[in-house]
Every structure is written in C-alpha cells, then in structure tokens.
Amino acid sequence: MSLESAFQNPIVRYGTSGTLIALYSVADHMARRAGRDPLRARVKQPRWLGVLIIVCVLAFYGTIRPLGGPVLGGVGNLAGIALAFVAMGLRWRNRSGAARVRQPEVATRMLFYVALPFAAGVPSGLLTLTLPAVIVSAWWCVREDRVLTQDLGDVWRSRIAHSKRWVPGLW
C-alpha cells in the first residue's frame, strides 16, 4: 500500500487524528501535572471555552471524510504528523514555563492545531479548527495578561516586559 493510498482511506485519517489528539492530551496532562505556573493558575478559563473547543473539533471531524485525503501524495500528512509530535515534545519541554514565552502551553497547543488538519489530510480544517483556536487563544491570552496585571501589578508587568506571549522575539 502506498503512502498516498493509505491517506485516501477515511478510517486512516480518522485514526490518525484521534491518535494524535489522544497523545497530545496525554502529553499536555503530564506537563500540567509536572509543572504549573502558580501566577497564571490564578486566572480560570470560562466554561464556554471548553465547549467551543469541542464544537470546533467536531466540526473538524465532520470535514475529514468528505474533504480529506492525501496532502502532497501523503508527504503533507506525514509532515503534519511530525509537526504534531514536535508540538507534544515542546509541550513537555516547556512544562515549567519558558523564560522568553509567557504562555508556552498555548503556543504548543496552537502548533498542534495547525499540524492536525494536515496530518488528517484536511487542510480546510485550518478554517474549522485552527482559525477559531487562534482567535480564542489570542483573546484569552490578552484577557489573562490584563487580569494578572490588575491583580499582581509590577510583578506581572515585569514578566510582560521580558517575554512574549507565544513566539520568542515576535509576539
């Protein structure tokens, strides 16, 4: 069976997506247990955020069968799988935070949300999964910075001055 024909099968694409989501969830859970930022833990996420993530994932899953397939002959799918593993590795590596990035878990989760549509062979999933995740994550991160600046004052302002939200030297 060729690489291209493997990713033509919707079961393979669903299985790839489900397996990667399960593995990322395990990596994220282990990273959360191993290291937590006590300052950031003060801000609780709204419940609707979890519901929105589930809705986006379900919408993405709805596109796998009708719109999915091999990306660049299957090479794009493999690149998506590799990028998902990079996101998992970075999530574990930065479990206790990163000096130059305030929200490394958000950055790695978004990297995973970019990788998943390609791994599952559904580049249009960038619209149903990745774009909403980026928009909501950006809103959440700005809100968290605002709340922590109000609560912690100079302590959080100093962290903002010496780090970026997701990408060192960029944003």
N, C-alpha and C. Protein backbone atom coordinates (compact mmCIF):
# COMPACT_ATOMS: atom_id res chain seq x y z
N MET A 1 0.85 -1.17 0.00
CA MET A 1 0.00 0.00 0.00
C MET A 1 0.90 1.24 0.00
N SER A 2 0.62 2.13 -0.89
CA SER A 2 1.43 3.35 -0.97
C SER A 2 0.98 4.36 0.07
N LEU A 3 1.83 5.30 0.30
CA LEU A 3 1.53 6.36 1.27
C LEU A 3 0.29 7.13 0.86
N GLU A 4 0.21 7.43 -0.43
CA GLU A 4 -0.95 8.19 -0.93
C GLU A 4 -2.24 7.40 -0.75
N SER A 5 -2.22 6.11 -1.09
CA SER A 5 -3.45 5.32 -0.97
C SER A 5 -3.84 5.12 0.49
N ALA A 6 -2.88 5.09 1.40
CA ALA A 6 -3.21 4.95 2.83
C ALA A 6 -4.05 6.13 3.31
N PHE A 7 -3.66 7.34 2.91
CA PHE A 7 -4.39 8.52 3.38
C PHE A 7 -5.65 8.81 2.57
N GLN A 8 -5.91 8.00 1.53
CA GLN A 8 -7.19 8.11 0.84
C GLN A 8 -8.30 7.46 1.65
N ASN A 9 -7.93 6.58 2.55
CA ASN A 9 -8.89 5.86 3.38
C ASN A 9 -9.31 6.75 4.56
N PRO A 10 -10.61 7.07 4.65
CA PRO A 10 -11.08 7.92 5.75
C PRO A 10 -10.79 7.33 7.14
N ILE A 11 -10.81 6.00 7.25
CA ILE A 11 -10.54 5.37 8.55
C ILE A 11 -9.12 5.69 9.01
N VAL A 12 -8.19 5.69 8.08
CA VAL A 12 -6.80 6.04 8.41
C VAL A 12 -6.73 7.49 8.86
N ARG A 13 -7.44 8.37 8.18
CA ARG A 13 -7.42 9.79 8.55
C ARG A 13 -8.07 10.02 9.92
N TYR A 14 -9.22 9.37 10.16
CA TYR A 14 -9.85 9.47 11.48
C TYR A 14 -8.94 8.90 12.56
N GLY A 15 -8.36 7.75 12.28
CA GLY A 15 -7.47 7.11 13.25
C GLY A 15 -6.25 7.95 13.54
N THR A 16 -5.68 8.56 12.51
CA THR A 16 -4.52 9.43 12.70
C THR A 16 -4.89 10.61 13.59
N SER A 17 -6.01 11.24 13.28
CA SER A 17 -6.46 12.39 14.05
C SER A 17 -6.74 12.01 15.51
N GLY A 18 -7.49 10.96 15.70
CA GLY A 18 -7.83 10.54 17.06
C GLY A 18 -6.62 10.14 17.87
N THR A 19 -5.70 9.45 17.24
CA THR A 19 -4.48 9.02 17.94
C THR A 19 -3.64 10.23 18.34
N LEU A 20 -3.49 11.17 17.41
CA LEU A 20 -2.70 12.37 17.73
C LEU A 20 -3.36 13.21 18.83
N ILE A 21 -4.68 13.33 18.79
CA ILE A 21 -5.38 14.07 19.84
C ILE A 21 -5.17 13.38 21.19
N ALA A 22 -5.30 12.06 21.21
CA ALA A 22 -5.10 11.33 22.47
C ALA A 22 -3.67 11.50 22.98
N LEU A 23 -2.69 11.38 22.10
CA LEU A 23 -1.29 11.52 22.52
C LEU A 23 -0.99 12.95 23.00
N TYR A 24 -1.52 13.95 22.30
CA TYR A 24 -1.29 15.32 22.75
C TYR A 24 -1.95 15.55 24.11
N SER A 25 -3.14 14.99 24.30
CA SER A 25 -3.84 15.14 25.58
C SER A 25 -3.03 14.54 26.72
N VAL A 26 -2.43 13.39 26.47
CA VAL A 26 -1.59 12.76 27.49
C VAL A 26 -0.36 13.64 27.78
N ALA A 27 0.30 14.11 26.73
CA ALA A 27 1.48 14.98 26.91
C ALA A 27 1.11 16.24 27.67
N ASP A 28 -0.03 16.84 27.32
CA ASP A 28 -0.47 18.06 27.99
C ASP A 28 -0.80 17.78 29.46
N HIS A 29 -1.50 16.68 29.71
CA HIS A 29 -1.87 16.33 31.09
C HIS A 29 -0.62 16.11 31.94
N MET A 30 0.33 15.35 31.40
CA MET A 30 1.56 15.09 32.14
C MET A 30 2.35 16.38 32.38
N ALA A 31 2.39 17.24 31.38
CA ALA A 31 3.10 18.51 31.53
C ALA A 31 2.43 19.39 32.58
N ARG A 32 1.11 19.41 32.60
CA ARG A 32 0.39 20.20 33.61
C ARG A 32 0.67 19.69 35.02
N ARG A 33 0.71 18.38 35.17
CA ARG A 33 0.98 17.80 36.50
C ARG A 33 2.41 18.04 36.94
N ALA A 34 3.34 18.05 35.98
CA ALA A 34 4.76 18.16 36.32
C ALA A 34 5.19 19.60 36.61
N GLY A 35 4.55 20.55 36.02
CA GLY A 35 4.96 21.93 36.24
C GLY A 35 3.84 22.90 35.95
N ARG A 36 3.58 23.77 36.89
CA ARG A 36 2.47 24.70 36.75
C ARG A 36 2.95 26.07 37.18
N ASP A 37 2.54 27.07 36.44
CA ASP A 37 2.87 28.45 36.77
C ASP A 37 1.87 28.95 37.82
N PRO A 38 2.30 29.11 39.07
CA PRO A 38 1.34 29.49 40.12
C PRO A 38 0.71 30.85 39.89
N LEU A 39 1.40 31.75 39.21
CA LEU A 39 0.81 33.05 38.95
C LEU A 39 -0.32 32.94 37.93
N ARG A 40 -0.07 32.21 36.87
CA ARG A 40 -1.08 32.08 35.82
C ARG A 40 -2.24 31.19 36.25
N ALA A 41 -2.02 30.31 37.19
CA ALA A 41 -3.09 29.42 37.65
C ALA A 41 -4.20 30.19 38.35
N ARG A 42 -3.93 31.45 38.67
CA ARG A 42 -4.92 32.29 39.36
C ARG A 42 -6.10 32.66 38.46
N VAL A 43 -5.91 32.61 37.15
CA VAL A 43 -6.96 33.01 36.21
C VAL A 43 -7.61 31.75 35.65
N LYS A 44 -8.88 31.58 35.92
CA LYS A 44 -9.61 30.40 35.47
C LYS A 44 -10.25 30.66 34.11
N GLN A 45 -10.18 29.65 33.24
CA GLN A 45 -10.80 29.77 31.93
C GLN A 45 -12.31 29.64 32.07
N PRO A 46 -13.05 30.39 31.24
CA PRO A 46 -14.51 30.26 31.27
C PRO A 46 -14.94 28.89 30.72
N ARG A 47 -16.06 28.39 31.21
CA ARG A 47 -16.55 27.07 30.79
C ARG A 47 -16.85 27.01 29.30
N TRP A 48 -17.32 28.13 28.76
CA TRP A 48 -17.70 28.12 27.35
C TRP A 48 -16.50 27.85 26.44
N LEU A 49 -15.29 28.09 26.93
CA LEU A 49 -14.10 27.84 26.13
C LEU A 49 -13.94 26.35 25.83
N GLY A 50 -14.17 25.51 26.82
CA GLY A 50 -14.12 24.06 26.60
C GLY A 50 -15.19 23.60 25.63
N VAL A 51 -16.38 24.18 25.74
CA VAL A 51 -17.47 23.82 24.83
C VAL A 51 -17.10 24.22 23.40
N LEU A 52 -16.52 25.41 23.24
CA LEU A 52 -16.12 25.87 21.91
C LEU A 52 -15.07 24.95 21.30
N ILE A 53 -14.12 24.50 22.10
CA ILE A 53 -13.09 23.58 21.59
C ILE A 53 -13.74 22.29 21.10
N ILE A 54 -14.67 21.76 21.86
CA ILE A 54 -15.36 20.52 21.46
C ILE A 54 -16.13 20.74 20.16
N VAL A 55 -16.82 21.87 20.04
CA VAL A 55 -17.58 22.18 18.82
C VAL A 55 -16.63 22.27 17.62
N CYS A 56 -15.50 22.94 17.80
CA CYS A 56 -14.53 23.07 16.70
C CYS A 56 -13.95 21.72 16.29
N VAL A 57 -13.63 20.89 17.27
CA VAL A 57 -13.10 19.55 16.96
C VAL A 57 -14.15 18.73 16.24
N LEU A 58 -15.41 18.80 16.67
CA LEU A 58 -16.48 18.06 16.00
C LEU A 58 -16.69 18.57 14.57
N ALA A 59 -16.64 19.89 14.39
CA ALA A 59 -16.76 20.45 13.05
C ALA A 59 -15.61 19.97 12.16
N PHE A 60 -14.41 19.94 12.74
CA PHE A 60 -13.25 19.44 12.01
C PHE A 60 -13.45 17.97 11.64
N TYR A 61 -13.92 17.17 12.59
CA TYR A 61 -14.17 15.75 12.31
C TYR A 61 -15.21 15.57 11.21
N GLY A 62 -16.15 16.51 11.13
CA GLY A 62 -17.15 16.46 10.06
C GLY A 62 -16.58 16.69 8.69
N THR A 63 -15.39 17.25 8.60
CA THR A 63 -14.76 17.51 7.30
C THR A 63 -13.79 16.40 6.87
N ILE A 64 -13.44 15.50 7.77
CA ILE A 64 -12.40 14.51 7.46
C ILE A 64 -12.82 13.59 6.31
N ARG A 65 -14.03 13.07 6.36
CA ARG A 65 -14.46 12.13 5.30
C ARG A 65 -14.70 12.85 3.97
N PRO A 66 -15.52 13.90 3.94
CA PRO A 66 -15.84 14.48 2.63
C PRO A 66 -14.72 15.32 2.01
N LEU A 67 -13.89 15.93 2.80
CA LEU A 67 -12.89 16.86 2.26
C LEU A 67 -11.46 16.36 2.39
N GLY A 68 -11.27 15.27 3.11
CA GLY A 68 -9.91 14.80 3.40
C GLY A 68 -9.32 13.93 2.31
N GLY A 69 -8.03 13.72 2.45
CA GLY A 69 -7.30 12.87 1.51
C GLY A 69 -5.81 13.06 1.70
N PRO A 70 -5.04 12.47 0.80
CA PRO A 70 -3.60 12.66 0.89
C PRO A 70 -3.22 14.11 0.56
N VAL A 71 -2.32 14.66 1.31
CA VAL A 71 -1.81 16.01 1.05
C VAL A 71 -0.42 15.84 0.44
N LEU A 72 -0.25 16.35 -0.76
CA LEU A 72 1.03 16.22 -1.48
C LEU A 72 1.48 14.76 -1.56
N GLY A 73 0.54 13.91 -1.94
CA GLY A 73 0.86 12.49 -2.09
C GLY A 73 1.12 11.77 -0.78
N GLY A 74 0.67 12.33 0.32
CA GLY A 74 0.87 11.73 1.65
C GLY A 74 2.03 12.34 2.42
N VAL A 75 2.91 13.03 1.70
CA VAL A 75 4.05 13.66 2.36
C VAL A 75 3.58 14.78 3.29
N GLY A 76 2.56 15.52 2.87
CA GLY A 76 2.00 16.58 3.73
C GLY A 76 1.36 16.01 4.99
N ASN A 77 0.75 14.83 4.86
CA ASN A 77 0.17 14.17 6.03
C ASN A 77 1.27 13.79 7.02
N LEU A 78 2.36 13.22 6.49
CA LEU A 78 3.47 12.84 7.36
C LEU A 78 4.10 14.07 8.01
N ALA A 79 4.18 15.17 7.26
CA ALA A 79 4.72 16.41 7.82
C ALA A 79 3.82 16.90 8.95
N GLY A 80 2.49 16.78 8.77
CA GLY A 80 1.56 17.16 9.83
C GLY A 80 1.73 16.30 11.06
N ILE A 81 1.92 15.00 10.86
CA ILE A 81 2.14 14.08 11.98
C ILE A 81 3.43 14.46 12.71
N ALA A 82 4.48 14.72 11.95
CA ALA A 82 5.77 15.10 12.56
C ALA A 82 5.63 16.41 13.34
N LEU A 83 4.90 17.38 12.77
CA LEU A 83 4.71 18.65 13.46
C LEU A 83 3.89 18.47 14.75
N ALA A 84 2.94 17.55 14.72
CA ALA A 84 2.17 17.25 15.94
C ALA A 84 3.08 16.70 17.03
N PHE A 85 4.02 15.83 16.65
CA PHE A 85 4.97 15.30 17.63
C PHE A 85 5.93 16.38 18.13
N VAL A 86 6.28 17.32 17.25
CA VAL A 86 7.10 18.46 17.69
C VAL A 86 6.33 19.26 18.74
N ALA A 87 5.03 19.50 18.49
CA ALA A 87 4.20 20.23 19.46
C ALA A 87 4.15 19.50 20.80
N MET A 88 4.02 18.18 20.77
CA MET A 88 3.99 17.39 22.01
C MET A 88 5.33 17.49 22.74
N GLY A 89 6.41 17.39 22.01
CA GLY A 89 7.74 17.49 22.62
C GLY A 89 7.98 18.86 23.23
N LEU A 90 7.57 19.90 22.52
CA LEU A 90 7.73 21.26 23.07
C LEU A 90 6.84 21.47 24.28
N ARG A 91 5.65 20.87 24.25
CA ARG A 91 4.75 20.99 25.42
C ARG A 91 5.41 20.38 26.65
N TRP A 92 6.03 19.22 26.49
CA TRP A 92 6.69 18.59 27.63
C TRP A 92 7.92 19.38 28.04
N ARG A 93 8.71 19.79 27.07
CA ARG A 93 9.96 20.50 27.36
C ARG A 93 9.69 21.80 28.13
N ASN A 94 8.60 22.47 27.81
CA ASN A 94 8.28 23.75 28.45
C ASN A 94 7.22 23.62 29.53
N ARG A 95 7.16 22.45 30.16
CA ARG A 95 6.14 22.19 31.17
C ARG A 95 6.21 23.13 32.36
N SER A 96 7.41 23.60 32.68
CA SER A 96 7.56 24.52 33.82
C SER A 96 7.66 25.95 33.37
N GLY A 97 7.30 26.21 32.13
CA GLY A 97 7.35 27.56 31.60
C GLY A 97 8.60 27.75 30.76
N ALA A 98 8.64 28.87 30.10
CA ALA A 98 9.79 29.23 29.27
C ALA A 98 10.12 30.68 29.58
N ALA A 99 11.39 30.97 29.72
CA ALA A 99 11.81 32.31 30.13
C ALA A 99 11.34 33.38 29.15
N ARG A 100 11.39 33.08 27.86
CA ARG A 100 11.08 34.10 26.87
C ARG A 100 9.64 34.05 26.36
N VAL A 101 8.86 33.05 26.82
CA VAL A 101 7.48 32.88 26.38
C VAL A 101 6.59 32.75 27.60
N ARG A 102 5.57 33.62 27.71
CA ARG A 102 4.68 33.60 28.88
C ARG A 102 3.69 32.44 28.84
N GLN A 103 3.26 32.06 27.66
CA GLN A 103 2.21 31.05 27.55
C GLN A 103 2.62 29.92 26.60
N PRO A 104 3.66 29.17 26.99
CA PRO A 104 4.14 28.12 26.08
C PRO A 104 3.12 27.01 25.83
N GLU A 105 2.25 26.73 26.79
CA GLU A 105 1.27 25.68 26.55
C GLU A 105 0.24 26.11 25.51
N VAL A 106 -0.09 27.39 25.46
CA VAL A 106 -1.00 27.89 24.43
C VAL A 106 -0.30 27.83 23.07
N ALA A 107 0.96 28.21 23.04
CA ALA A 107 1.72 28.19 21.78
C ALA A 107 1.83 26.76 21.24
N THR A 108 2.11 25.80 22.10
CA THR A 108 2.24 24.42 21.61
C THR A 108 0.89 23.84 21.22
N ARG A 109 -0.16 24.20 21.92
CA ARG A 109 -1.50 23.73 21.55
C ARG A 109 -1.90 24.28 20.19
N MET A 110 -1.55 25.55 19.94
CA MET A 110 -1.87 26.13 18.63
C MET A 110 -1.03 25.49 17.53
N LEU A 111 0.22 25.16 17.81
CA LEU A 111 1.05 24.45 16.85
C LEU A 111 0.41 23.10 16.53
N PHE A 112 -0.11 22.44 17.54
CA PHE A 112 -0.80 21.17 17.34
C PHE A 112 -2.04 21.37 16.46
N TYR A 113 -2.80 22.45 16.70
CA TYR A 113 -4.00 22.72 15.91
C TYR A 113 -3.66 23.08 14.46
N VAL A 114 -2.46 23.53 14.20
CA VAL A 114 -2.02 23.74 12.82
C VAL A 114 -1.64 22.40 12.20
N ALA A 115 -0.98 21.55 12.96
CA ALA A 115 -0.50 20.27 12.45
C ALA A 115 -1.64 19.30 12.15
N LEU A 116 -2.66 19.28 13.00
CA LEU A 116 -3.71 18.27 12.91
C LEU A 116 -4.44 18.24 11.56
N PRO A 117 -4.85 19.37 11.00
CA PRO A 117 -5.52 19.29 9.69
C PRO A 117 -4.66 18.67 8.60
N PHE A 118 -3.37 18.94 8.62
CA PHE A 118 -2.50 18.35 7.61
C PHE A 118 -2.30 16.85 7.87
N ALA A 119 -2.13 16.49 9.13
CA ALA A 119 -1.96 15.08 9.47
C ALA A 119 -3.18 14.26 9.05
N ALA A 120 -4.36 14.82 9.24
CA ALA A 120 -5.60 14.12 8.88
C ALA A 120 -5.97 14.31 7.42
N GLY A 121 -5.17 15.10 6.69
CA GLY A 121 -5.43 15.29 5.27
C GLY A 121 -6.56 16.23 4.96
N VAL A 122 -6.81 17.18 5.85
CA VAL A 122 -7.91 18.12 5.67
C VAL A 122 -7.40 19.55 5.85
N PRO A 123 -6.68 20.08 4.86
CA PRO A 123 -6.18 21.45 5.01
C PRO A 123 -7.29 22.48 5.27
N SER A 124 -8.52 22.19 4.79
CA SER A 124 -9.62 23.11 5.07
C SER A 124 -9.96 23.13 6.56
N GLY A 125 -9.44 22.16 7.31
CA GLY A 125 -9.60 22.16 8.76
C GLY A 125 -8.94 23.35 9.42
N LEU A 126 -8.07 24.02 8.67
CA LEU A 126 -7.49 25.26 9.19
C LEU A 126 -8.58 26.29 9.47
N LEU A 127 -9.69 26.22 8.72
CA LEU A 127 -10.81 27.15 8.93
C LEU A 127 -11.73 26.69 10.06
N THR A 128 -11.94 25.38 10.20
CA THR A 128 -12.88 24.90 11.22
C THR A 128 -12.24 24.67 12.57
N LEU A 129 -10.93 24.45 12.59
CA LEU A 129 -10.26 24.14 13.85
C LEU A 129 -9.21 25.19 14.21
N THR A 130 -8.28 25.42 13.32
CA THR A 130 -7.13 26.26 13.63
C THR A 130 -7.51 27.73 13.80
N LEU A 131 -8.24 28.29 12.86
CA LEU A 131 -8.59 29.71 12.93
C LEU A 131 -9.39 30.05 14.20
N PRO A 132 -10.46 29.30 14.51
CA PRO A 132 -11.15 29.61 15.77
C PRO A 132 -10.25 29.46 16.99
N ALA A 133 -9.37 28.45 16.98
CA ALA A 133 -8.46 28.25 18.12
C ALA A 133 -7.51 29.42 18.27
N VAL A 134 -6.99 29.93 17.18
CA VAL A 134 -6.07 31.07 17.24
C VAL A 134 -6.79 32.32 17.75
N ILE A 135 -7.98 32.55 17.24
CA ILE A 135 -8.73 33.75 17.66
C ILE A 135 -9.06 33.69 19.15
N VAL A 136 -9.60 32.56 19.60
CA VAL A 136 -9.98 32.43 21.01
C VAL A 136 -8.74 32.44 21.90
N SER A 137 -7.67 31.80 21.46
CA SER A 137 -6.43 31.79 22.25
C SER A 137 -5.86 33.19 22.39
N ALA A 138 -5.88 33.96 21.31
CA ALA A 138 -5.39 35.33 21.37
C ALA A 138 -6.23 36.15 22.35
N TRP A 139 -7.55 36.00 22.26
CA TRP A 139 -8.43 36.72 23.19
C TRP A 139 -8.12 36.32 24.63
N TRP A 140 -7.99 35.00 24.86
CA TRP A 140 -7.74 34.51 26.21
C TRP A 140 -6.42 35.04 26.76
N CYS A 141 -5.40 35.03 25.95
CA CYS A 141 -4.08 35.46 26.41
C CYS A 141 -4.06 36.95 26.75
N VAL A 142 -4.72 37.75 25.94
CA VAL A 142 -4.82 39.18 26.24
C VAL A 142 -5.60 39.39 27.53
N ARG A 143 -6.70 38.65 27.69
CA ARG A 143 -7.51 38.76 28.92
C ARG A 143 -6.68 38.35 30.14
N GLU A 144 -5.95 37.25 30.01
CA GLU A 144 -5.14 36.77 31.14
C GLU A 144 -4.09 37.81 31.54
N ASP A 145 -3.43 38.39 30.56
CA ASP A 145 -2.44 39.43 30.86
C ASP A 145 -3.09 40.62 31.57
N ARG A 146 -4.27 41.01 31.11
CA ARG A 146 -4.97 42.15 31.73
C ARG A 146 -5.35 41.83 33.18
N VAL A 147 -5.91 40.65 33.41
CA VAL A 147 -6.32 40.26 34.77
C VAL A 147 -5.10 40.17 35.69
N LEU A 148 -4.04 39.53 35.22
CA LEU A 148 -2.85 39.37 36.06
C LEU A 148 -2.14 40.70 36.30
N THR A 149 -2.18 41.60 35.34
CA THR A 149 -1.60 42.93 35.56
C THR A 149 -2.38 43.67 36.63
N GLN A 150 -3.71 43.55 36.60
CA GLN A 150 -4.53 44.19 37.64
C GLN A 150 -4.27 43.56 39.01
N ASP A 151 -4.18 42.23 39.05
CA ASP A 151 -4.01 41.52 40.33
C ASP A 151 -2.60 41.62 40.90
N LEU A 152 -1.59 41.52 40.03
CA LEU A 152 -0.21 41.41 40.50
C LEU A 152 0.64 42.66 40.27
N GLY A 153 0.13 43.57 39.45
CA GLY A 153 0.84 44.83 39.23
C GLY A 153 2.23 44.66 38.62
N ASP A 154 3.23 45.19 39.31
CA ASP A 154 4.59 45.23 38.79
C ASP A 154 5.20 43.85 38.54
N VAL A 155 4.80 42.87 39.32
CA VAL A 155 5.33 41.51 39.13
C VAL A 155 4.98 41.02 37.73
N TRP A 156 3.71 41.19 37.33
CA TRP A 156 3.30 40.72 36.01
C TRP A 156 3.78 41.67 34.91
N ARG A 157 3.80 42.97 35.17
CA ARG A 157 4.34 43.92 34.18
C ARG A 157 5.79 43.59 33.84
N SER A 158 6.55 43.17 34.83
CA SER A 158 7.94 42.79 34.60
C SER A 158 8.02 41.55 33.72
N ARG A 159 7.14 40.59 33.96
CA ARG A 159 7.14 39.38 33.13
C ARG A 159 6.75 39.73 31.69
N ILE A 160 5.78 40.61 31.53
CA ILE A 160 5.38 41.04 30.19
C ILE A 160 6.55 41.74 29.48
N ALA A 161 7.28 42.55 30.21
CA ALA A 161 8.39 43.30 29.62
C ALA A 161 9.53 42.39 29.16
N HIS A 162 9.66 41.23 29.77
CA HIS A 162 10.80 40.35 29.48
C HIS A 162 10.43 39.08 28.71
N SER A 163 9.19 39.01 28.21
CA SER A 163 8.79 37.80 27.48
C SER A 163 7.75 38.16 26.43
N LYS A 164 7.50 37.21 25.56
CA LYS A 164 6.45 37.31 24.55
C LYS A 164 5.38 36.29 24.90
N ARG A 165 4.18 36.46 24.31
CA ARG A 165 3.10 35.53 24.63
C ARG A 165 3.38 34.12 24.11
N TRP A 166 3.70 34.00 22.81
CA TRP A 166 3.81 32.67 22.21
C TRP A 166 5.11 32.42 21.49
N VAL A 167 5.63 33.42 20.81
CA VAL A 167 6.82 33.21 19.98
C VAL A 167 7.93 34.16 20.44
N PRO A 168 9.07 33.61 20.86
CA PRO A 168 10.16 34.47 21.33
C PRO A 168 10.54 35.51 20.29
N GLY A 169 10.63 36.76 20.73
CA GLY A 169 11.05 37.85 19.87
C GLY A 169 10.00 38.34 18.89
N LEU A 170 8.81 37.73 18.90
CA LEU A 170 7.80 38.11 17.91
C LEU A 170 6.50 38.59 18.56
N TRP A 171 5.79 37.70 19.24
CA TRP A 171 4.51 38.07 19.86
C TRP A 171 4.26 37.24 21.09
